[in-house]
Amino acid sequence: MIQELLVIAVVVNSDPAHAGCLYCLCQLYKTALARSRGLRYGTYLDHTHRFHLAWDVDYPRETVNFHLTVRVGTDQWFGMGFSDYGESTNADVLVVWTNSRGTHFFQDAYTDSTGRLHIDRKQDYHLTDAWSRGHETELVFSRKFETCDGGYVFDNGTTHIIYFVGRGNPKSVSGVNVTSLHPGLQRVQLLKPDIPTPLLPRDTWTFDILAPKVRVPGKETTYWWYRTKLPPLRKKHHIIQFEGIIQKGNENLVHHMEVFHCEVGAKTRIPNFNGPGLGEGKPPRLESCRKVIGAWAMGAKALPYPDEAGSPIGGENYSRYVLLEVHYNNPGLKTGVIDQSGIRFYVTSSLRKYDAGIMELGLEYTNKMAIPPDQPHFHLTGYCVSDCTRVGLPRQGINIFASQLHTHLTGKKAYTKHVRHGQELPELNRDNHYSPHFQEIRLLPKPVRVLPGDALITSCVDNTIDRQNATIGGFAITDEMCVNYVHYYPAVELEVCKSSITTNALHSFFRFLNKWSEERTSPGHGDRENYQSIKWTPLNVHLLNSLYASAPLSMQCNMSSGRRFPGEWEGIPPTKITEPFWVPEEKC
């Protein structure tokens, strides 16, 4: 293998003509393979595998170390960088090109609000190695989490990576419009938690719950249900990992999946079912299929359980029946597509100390919530109140080790706050650059202990700037949700801890708008129709915001059987934070 030295001219001044601002890096005899093996994470940025990015996180130094491999022609140049949601405007990028004299340039740059490139006066990408072989270029570099010059800040939420290729051997790339280069987009969690991956026991084996060659309907939203059986297990086992198995070619069609275990009682019959239905409820006589044992959403990787926990399965009197639910998002209304996607489970007979469970937090799936149109950022909040955790959690509490935030298409930010006796504790999870197309189940840096009487407040920030009418809460992809599926141990009966505003409060709001501003709302109309009939003036938007912030709550404080815990769950006041969490001052 012949390696060619890359002499990279790194410009630390916005004018590349200043030769005094150039320096050379000459590191040889290192291969991409050897370098990438030392980095824990990696992905191709494009489906043609021209761009590969490997990285690792150095938390003590608050630095990310990168290894970028790119295949481009000798008459091409390229760039890669970061923006809030994958836009080519207002992006923080690095660009690499070769001029007509054969000098190679590696520069920190940014794009303005029109997408045009500008070389940054402060160079924050630090190149340590560079080499090439034929059409392949490799760069090893690093960057701080925060650069203190207005550049993109790395956090533990979703990171949108853009990449692009230009033609020619320019004297400078300043002024080039990146939008015209049709940049690609990849999403990752850049700052992954620094925890070791648990080792699988030697007796680990797998089984798959797959859709049975479903012919996907030619409609935008389909919830497909398939009742099937687990493998026969005479004694109790633990699920210790699960992952999505997506049929090749259907990656953009399968939105999310869940596997529900079906409880069987003395008088319960579990019928066969294989077909489409509504997301609002289960098919007839499958209401007992409620307990989630596996879940996946677009972008999610395998979820390993911590060493001390596993999800129980099998044993005497354990029902083998499960219900697979697949949400197909088919905006192109394609027909004739066959799908066999599903979830793969890793199981062991070597039982762990605790049984694990999954709990739903946030807003009810209901059309009692809505987002007005033309809103750059509108907040929705769902509560798991202290009264519910007080009756639903054991004295020692539970340990949440993973979290999956979930919205539909308008979600831009999502987070869950943790409150104890009015005092705000560190947040459970946050994604400031949330994407509905990348809904990972994310391991937390360390398990979070939630005690009886604690409250968990899940909020979503939605953008409806391109919508002409209100977006209503519901199951269709064009409707909206705001939930957090948390994975925890030890397992308890509490499975759903979500809220909505009371029906009386909402209907009073509709009556007020009808009388005060003559909106065409009516008690005879459904909530969806009433929301859609309102003229969403700035004042009406403000009034809806005020309603959501102060209205009493209707709580879903539900067991895995679907029954509510004993108690009064109507008219609960929203949780108030009397002592906000102290956030250290920014370093910049």
Foldseek 3Di string as FASTA:
>chain_A
DDWDWAWAFEALAQDPVPVVRGDGATDDDDDPVVVLVVADDKDQQDPVRQWIKTWHADVVQQKIKIKIKGFDALQKWKKKFFDLAQDLAQTWMWIWAAAPVGHIYIFTWGHHRQNFITTDNGGFWAWHGWIDDHRMIMTITMGHQDDPPSHHHQDQFKIKMKMFMGGGRDPDRGGPRRVVRVIGIDIDRRDAFPDDDDDDDPQKDKDWDWQDFDFDFLDFKWKWKWKDFAPAAAAKKFFFKKFKDWPPPCLQWWFKKWKFFAQDDPPADDDGDTGTDFPPADPPSRRRRFFTQDMDGAAAGMDGHPQQEGAMDHHPNGGGMMMMITITGNPVSDGPDITIMGMMTIMDRPHHNAHKGKAKEWADQDQLDKDWAQAAWDKAKKKLALVLLQVWADQQAKWWFKKWKAKAAFFQKKFKWKAAPLATDPTPDIHNGDHSNRTYTGTDSGIDGHGRRMMMMMMTIGHRSPDDGMAGRHDRSSHIDTMMITMIDRDTFFHYKIKDFDPVLSVVLLVCCCPPVVFPGDPVDDSVVSRRRDDDDVVNNVVSSVSSQWGFIQIQRGTSSRDHDDDDRHRHTDRHRPHYDDDDDDPD
